[in-house]
Amino acid sequence: MRKKSIKNNEEKKWEEKVVQVKRVTKVVKGGKKLSFRAILVVGNENGNIGVGVGKASDVIGAVKKAGADAKKHTIQIPLTKYLSIPHPINGGSGAAKIILIPSATGSGVIAGGATRTVLELAGIKNILAKQLGSNNTLNNARATLDALKNLKTFKETAEIRNIKLEQLY
């Protein structure tokens, strides 16, 4: 896995991590056309995260395209003061399903594969994750992003229910 830092216009330090590079072929009239597919995760370890996919005839081109795609599809997630998520949540993409559960301080990121990469680059330090269904790297990364996108803070939940924040505790 390759890791590199980028500076964005807002001067935030963005981390890029290549999760997978796969050689793919397409059958055409003259035989097989070879290309590469790269899956890349970008995050600033402060609640911003994105997953991108790029395909090109060379690896470097695929990684660049994946980086541009990931930056286009970034999301902001709420983090607690203990660098965890506010509540348990499920996510899905294709046949991949994911369960994210906030964990105690000091427990670390208990997750595997693409899910671990996404959670670490989002800045989450204490979480438990379980992948269900598919082992597909891209679908698991997208399922994690889907779950994180649906997170709500206590304040947002109180506003939706038209109750005071103190009543949620």
C-alpha atoms as a PDB file:
ATOM      1  CA  MET A   1       0.000   0.000   0.000  1.00  0.00           C
ATOM      2  CA  ARG A   2       1.249   3.412  -0.982  1.00  0.00           C
ATOM      3  CA  LYS A   3       0.709   6.420   1.244  1.00  0.00           C
ATOM      4  CA  LYS A   4       1.357  10.036   0.321  1.00  0.00           C
ATOM      5  CA  SER A   5       0.386  13.466   1.614  1.00  0.00           C
ATOM      6  CA  ILE A   6      -1.202  16.234  -0.460  1.00  0.00           C
ATOM      7  CA  LYS A   7      -1.912  19.860   0.335  1.00  0.00           C
ATOM      8  CA  ASN A   8      -5.386  21.099  -0.583  1.00  0.00           C
ATOM      9  CA  ASN A   9      -6.491  24.710  -1.207  1.00  0.00           C
ATOM     10  CA  GLU A  10      -7.690  24.980   2.408  1.00  0.00           C
ATOM     11  CA  GLU A  11      -4.183  23.955   3.594  1.00  0.00           C
ATOM     12  CA  LYS A  12      -5.467  20.743   5.176  1.00  0.00           C
ATOM     13  CA  LYS A  13      -3.125  17.778   5.070  1.00  0.00           C
ATOM     14  CA  TRP A  14      -4.760  15.077   2.936  1.00  0.00           C
ATOM     15  CA  GLU A  15      -3.531  11.506   3.033  1.00  0.00           C
ATOM     16  CA  GLU A  16      -3.851   9.212   0.017  1.00  0.00           C
ATOM     17  CA  LYS A  17      -3.765   5.448   0.325  1.00  0.00           C
ATOM     18  CA  VAL A  18      -3.967   2.991  -2.560  1.00  0.00           C
ATOM     19  CA  VAL A  19      -6.152   0.114  -1.387  1.00  0.00           C
ATOM     20  CA  GLN A  20      -5.977  -2.052  -4.497  1.00  0.00           C
ATOM     21  CA  VAL A  21      -4.485  -2.106  -7.990  1.00  0.00           C
ATOM     22  CA  LYS A  22      -5.978  -4.783 -10.219  1.00  0.00           C
ATOM     23  CA  ARG A  23      -5.105  -5.825 -13.760  1.00  0.00           C
ATOM     24  CA  VAL A  24      -8.284  -6.099 -15.810  1.00  0.00           C
ATOM     25  CA  THR A  25      -8.857  -7.189 -19.397  1.00  0.00           C
ATOM     26  CA  LYS A  26     -11.491  -6.480 -21.980  1.00  0.00           C
ATOM     27  CA  VAL A  27     -12.039  -8.823 -24.915  1.00  0.00           C
ATOM     28  CA  VAL A  28     -12.074  -6.914 -28.210  1.00  0.00           C
ATOM     29  CA  LYS A  29     -11.982  -7.927 -31.875  1.00  0.00           C
ATOM     30  CA  GLY A  30      -8.183  -8.135 -31.996  1.00  0.00           C
ATOM     31  CA  GLY A  31      -7.789 -10.040 -28.712  1.00  0.00           C
ATOM     32  CA  LYS A  32      -7.583  -8.861 -25.112  1.00  0.00           C
ATOM     33  CA  LYS A  33      -7.063  -5.230 -24.085  1.00  0.00           C
ATOM     34  CA  LEU A  34      -5.159  -4.914 -20.802  1.00  0.00           C
ATOM     35  CA  SER A  35      -5.806  -2.058 -18.343  1.00  0.00           C
ATOM     36  CA  PHE A  36      -5.440  -1.316 -14.622  1.00  0.00           C
ATOM     37  CA  ARG A  37      -8.050  -0.406 -12.011  1.00  0.00           C
ATOM     38  CA  ALA A  38      -6.981   1.422  -8.866  1.00  0.00           C
ATOM     39  CA  ILE A  39      -9.021   1.958  -5.697  1.00  0.00           C
ATOM     40  CA  LEU A  40      -7.824   4.904  -3.626  1.00  0.00           C
ATOM     41  CA  VAL A  41      -8.944   6.403  -0.315  1.00  0.00           C
ATOM     42  CA  VAL A  42      -8.280  10.053   0.592  1.00  0.00           C
ATOM     43  CA  GLY A  43      -8.799  11.549   4.033  1.00  0.00           C
ATOM     44  CA  ASN A  44      -7.505  14.315   6.276  1.00  0.00           C
ATOM     45  CA  GLU A  45      -7.834  12.331   9.545  1.00  0.00           C
ATOM     46  CA  ASN A  46     -10.222  15.024  10.760  1.00  0.00           C
ATOM     47  CA  GLY A  47     -13.620  13.754   9.564  1.00  0.00           C
ATOM     48  CA  ASN A  48     -13.237  14.177   5.778  1.00  0.00           C
ATOM     49  CA  ILE A  49     -13.061  11.003   3.675  1.00  0.00           C
ATOM     50  CA  GLY A  50     -13.507   9.905   0.061  1.00  0.00           C
ATOM     51  CA  VAL A  51     -13.187   6.712  -2.003  1.00  0.00           C
ATOM     52  CA  GLY A  52     -12.340   6.795  -5.699  1.00  0.00           C
ATOM     53  CA  VAL A  53     -11.810   4.398  -8.603  1.00  0.00           C
ATOM     54  CA  GLY A  54      -9.707   4.974 -11.692  1.00  0.00           C
ATOM     55  CA  LYS A  55      -9.000   2.885 -14.787  1.00  0.00           C
ATOM     56  CA  ALA A  56      -6.168   3.475 -17.238  1.00  0.00           C
ATOM     57  CA  SER A  57      -3.721   1.587 -19.446  1.00  0.00           C
ATOM     58  CA  ASP A  58      -0.940   2.170 -16.880  1.00  0.00           C
ATOM     59  CA  VAL A  59      -0.871   2.011 -13.075  1.00  0.00           C
ATOM     60  CA  ILE A  60       0.212   5.630 -12.506  1.00  0.00           C
ATOM     61  CA  GLY A  61      -2.617   6.958 -14.695  1.00  0.00           C
ATOM     62  CA  ALA A  62      -5.152   4.770 -12.877  1.00  0.00           C
ATOM     63  CA  VAL A  63      -3.949   6.018  -9.461  1.00  0.00           C
ATOM     64  CA  LYS A  64      -4.157   9.670 -10.599  1.00  0.00           C
ATOM     65  CA  LYS A  65      -7.700   9.172 -11.905  1.00  0.00           C
ATOM     66  CA  ALA A  66      -8.695   7.393  -8.686  1.00  0.00           C
ATOM     67  CA  GLY A  67      -7.294  10.290  -6.636  1.00  0.00           C
ATOM     68  CA  ALA A  68      -9.293  12.839  -8.636  1.00  0.00           C
ATOM     69  CA  ASP A  69     -12.452  10.705  -8.275  1.00  0.00           C
ATOM     70  CA  ALA A  70     -11.936  10.303  -4.509  1.00  0.00           C
ATOM     71  CA  LYS A  71     -11.541  14.067  -4.000  1.00  0.00           C
ATOM     72  CA  LYS A  72     -14.735  14.652  -5.987  1.00  0.00           C
ATOM     73  CA  HIS A  73     -16.706  12.316  -3.710  1.00  0.00           C
ATOM     74  CA  THR A  74     -15.496  13.371  -0.253  1.00  0.00           C
ATOM     75  CA  ILE A  75     -17.879  13.540   2.701  1.00  0.00           C
ATOM     76  CA  GLN A  76     -17.692  15.135   6.154  1.00  0.00           C
ATOM     77  CA  ILE A  77     -18.448  12.862   9.114  1.00  0.00           C
ATOM     78  CA  PRO A  78     -19.174  13.736  12.765  1.00  0.00           C
ATOM     79  CA  LEU A  79     -16.582  12.550  15.284  1.00  0.00           C
ATOM     80  CA  THR A  80     -16.967  12.423  19.059  1.00  0.00           C
ATOM     81  CA  LYS A  81     -14.360  13.923  21.394  1.00  0.00           C
ATOM     82  CA  TYR A  82     -13.057  10.370  21.907  1.00  0.00           C
ATOM     83  CA  LEU A  83     -12.413  10.060  18.132  1.00  0.00           C
ATOM     84  CA  SER A  84     -15.206   7.556  17.603  1.00  0.00           C
ATOM     85  CA  ILE A  85     -18.634   7.672  15.948  1.00  0.00           C
ATOM     86  CA  PRO A  86     -21.749   8.972  17.761  1.00  0.00           C
ATOM     87  CA  HIS A  87     -23.839   5.783  17.424  1.00  0.00           C
ATOM     88  CA  PRO A  88     -23.877   2.263  15.885  1.00  0.00           C
ATOM     89  CA  ILE A  89     -24.788   2.189  12.184  1.00  0.00           C
ATOM     90  CA  ASN A  90     -25.090  -0.161   9.208  1.00  0.00           C
ATOM     91  CA  GLY A  91     -24.100   0.488   5.609  1.00  0.00           C
ATOM     92  CA  GLY A  92     -24.230  -1.343   2.321  1.00  0.00           C
ATOM     93  CA  SER A  93     -23.044  -1.330  -1.261  1.00  0.00           C
ATOM     94  CA  GLY A  94     -23.892  -4.147  -3.633  1.00  0.00           C
ATOM     95  CA  ALA A  95     -23.720  -7.425  -1.700  1.00  0.00           C
ATOM     96  CA  ALA A  96     -21.351  -5.948   0.900  1.00  0.00           C
ATOM     97  CA  LYS A  97     -22.811  -4.944   4.243  1.00  0.00           C
ATOM     98  CA  ILE A  98     -20.989  -3.345   7.131  1.00  0.00           C
ATOM     99  CA  ILE A  99     -21.731  -2.796  10.821  1.00  0.00           C
ATOM    100  CA  LEU A 100     -19.923   0.037  12.639  1.00  0.00           C
ATOM    101  CA  ILE A 101     -20.069   0.196  16.442  1.00  0.00           C
ATOM    102  CA  PRO A 102     -18.430   2.890  18.606  1.00  0.00           C
ATOM    103  CA  SER A 103     -15.826   1.420  20.909  1.00  0.00           C
ATOM    104  CA  ALA A 104     -14.203   2.303  24.240  1.00  0.00           C
ATOM    105  CA  THR A 105     -11.288   4.716  24.378  1.00  0.00           C
ATOM    106  CA  GLY A 106      -7.977   2.992  23.717  1.00  0.00           C
ATOM    107  CA  SER A 107      -9.461  -0.018  21.914  1.00  0.00           C
ATOM    108  CA  GLY A 108      -8.217   1.130  18.494  1.00  0.00           C
ATOM    109  CA  VAL A 109      -9.606   0.386  15.045  1.00  0.00           C
ATOM    110  CA  ILE A 110     -10.902  -3.181  15.036  1.00  0.00           C
ATOM    111  CA  ALA A 111     -11.590  -3.723  11.338  1.00  0.00           C
ATOM    112  CA  GLY A 112     -10.069  -5.391   8.321  1.00  0.00           C
ATOM    113  CA  GLY A 113      -9.312  -4.749   4.675  1.00  0.00           C
ATOM    114  CA  ALA A 114     -10.589  -1.641   2.929  1.00  0.00           C
ATOM    115  CA  THR A 115     -12.814  -0.804   5.904  1.00  0.00           C
ATOM    116  CA  ARG A 116      -9.796  -0.303   8.151  1.00  0.00           C
ATOM    117  CA  THR A 117      -8.134   2.039   5.642  1.00  0.00           C
ATOM    118  CA  VAL A 118     -11.287   4.163   5.272  1.00  0.00           C
ATOM    119  CA  LEU A 119     -11.802   4.433   9.041  1.00  0.00           C
ATOM    120  CA  GLU A 120      -8.157   5.299   9.780  1.00  0.00           C
ATOM    121  CA  LEU A 121      -7.992   8.017   7.104  1.00  0.00           C
ATOM    122  CA  ALA A 122     -11.270   9.473   8.415  1.00  0.00           C
ATOM    123  CA  GLY A 123      -9.542  10.034  11.760  1.00  0.00           C
ATOM    124  CA  ILE A 124     -11.536   7.475  13.743  1.00  0.00           C
ATOM    125  CA  LYS A 125      -9.394   5.910  16.485  1.00  0.00           C
ATOM    126  CA  ASN A 126     -11.868   3.787  18.522  1.00  0.00           C
ATOM    127  CA  ILE A 127     -14.310   1.652  16.543  1.00  0.00           C
ATOM    128  CA  LEU A 128     -15.408  -1.907  15.924  1.00  0.00           C
ATOM    129  CA  ALA A 129     -16.405  -2.908  12.379  1.00  0.00           C
ATOM    130  CA  LYS A 130     -17.716  -6.118  10.866  1.00  0.00           C
ATOM    131  CA  GLN A 131     -17.929  -6.839   7.132  1.00  0.00           C
ATOM    132  CA  LEU A 132     -20.776  -9.101   6.063  1.00  0.00           C
ATOM    133  CA  GLY A 133     -21.625 -10.586   2.675  1.00  0.00           C
ATOM    134  CA  SER A 134     -19.089  -9.768  -0.015  1.00  0.00           C
ATOM    135  CA  ASN A 135     -15.292  -9.733   0.183  1.00  0.00           C
ATOM    136  CA  ASN A 136     -15.098  -7.241  -2.703  1.00  0.00           C
ATOM    137  CA  THR A 137     -12.649  -4.471  -1.737  1.00  0.00           C
ATOM    138  CA  LEU A 138     -14.449  -1.662  -3.593  1.00  0.00           C
ATOM    139  CA  ASN A 139     -17.915  -2.583  -2.299  1.00  0.00           C
ATOM    140  CA  ASN A 140     -16.631  -2.840   1.287  1.00  0.00           C
ATOM    141  CA  ALA A 141     -14.991   0.593   1.031  1.00  0.00           C
ATOM    142  CA  ARG A 142     -18.189   2.075  -0.435  1.00  0.00           C
ATOM    143  CA  ALA A 143     -20.329   0.342   2.224  1.00  0.00           C
ATOM    144  CA  THR A 144     -18.162   1.920   4.950  1.00  0.00           C
ATOM    145  CA  LEU A 145     -18.549   5.327   3.290  1.00  0.00           C
ATOM    146  CA  ASP A 146     -22.328   4.771   3.065  1.00  0.00           C
ATOM    147  CA  ALA A 147     -22.526   3.998   6.795  1.00  0.00           C
ATOM    148  CA  LEU A 148     -20.396   7.030   7.721  1.00  0.00           C
ATOM    149  CA  LYS A 149     -22.509   9.291   5.483  1.00  0.00           C
ATOM    150  CA  ASN A 150     -25.669   8.374   7.442  1.00  0.00           C
ATOM    151  CA  LEU A 151     -24.223   9.271  10.868  1.00  0.00           C
ATOM    152  CA  LYS A 152     -26.029  11.980  12.840  1.00  0.00           C
ATOM    153  CA  THR A 153     -24.833  14.025  15.794  1.00  0.00           C
ATOM    154  CA  PHE A 154     -26.891  14.261  19.002  1.00  0.00           C
ATOM    155  CA  LYS A 155     -27.688  17.878  18.134  1.00  0.00           C
ATOM    156  CA  GLU A 156     -29.064  16.950  14.666  1.00  0.00           C
ATOM    157  CA  THR A 157     -31.160  14.128  16.169  1.00  0.00           C
ATOM    158  CA  ALA A 158     -32.631  16.495  18.793  1.00  0.00           C
ATOM    159  CA  GLU A 159     -33.551  19.020  16.069  1.00  0.00           C
ATOM    160  CA  ILE A 160     -35.218  16.330  13.920  1.00  0.00           C
ATOM    161  CA  ARG A 161     -37.299  15.077  16.888  1.00  0.00           C
ATOM    162  CA  ASN A 162     -38.076  18.631  18.105  1.00  0.00           C
ATOM    163  CA  ILE A 163     -36.808  17.910  21.601  1.00  0.00           C
ATOM    164  CA  LYS A 164     -34.107  19.407  23.809  1.00  0.00           C
ATOM    165  CA  LEU A 165     -30.590  18.006  23.601  1.00  0.00           C
ATOM    166  CA  GLU A 166     -30.684  17.094  27.332  1.00  0.00           C
ATOM    167  CA  GLN A 167     -33.610  14.686  26.758  1.00  0.00           C
ATOM    168  CA  LEU A 168     -31.432  12.444  24.552  1.00  0.00           C
ATOM    169  CA  TYR A 169     -29.129  11.634  27.471  1.00  0.00           C
END
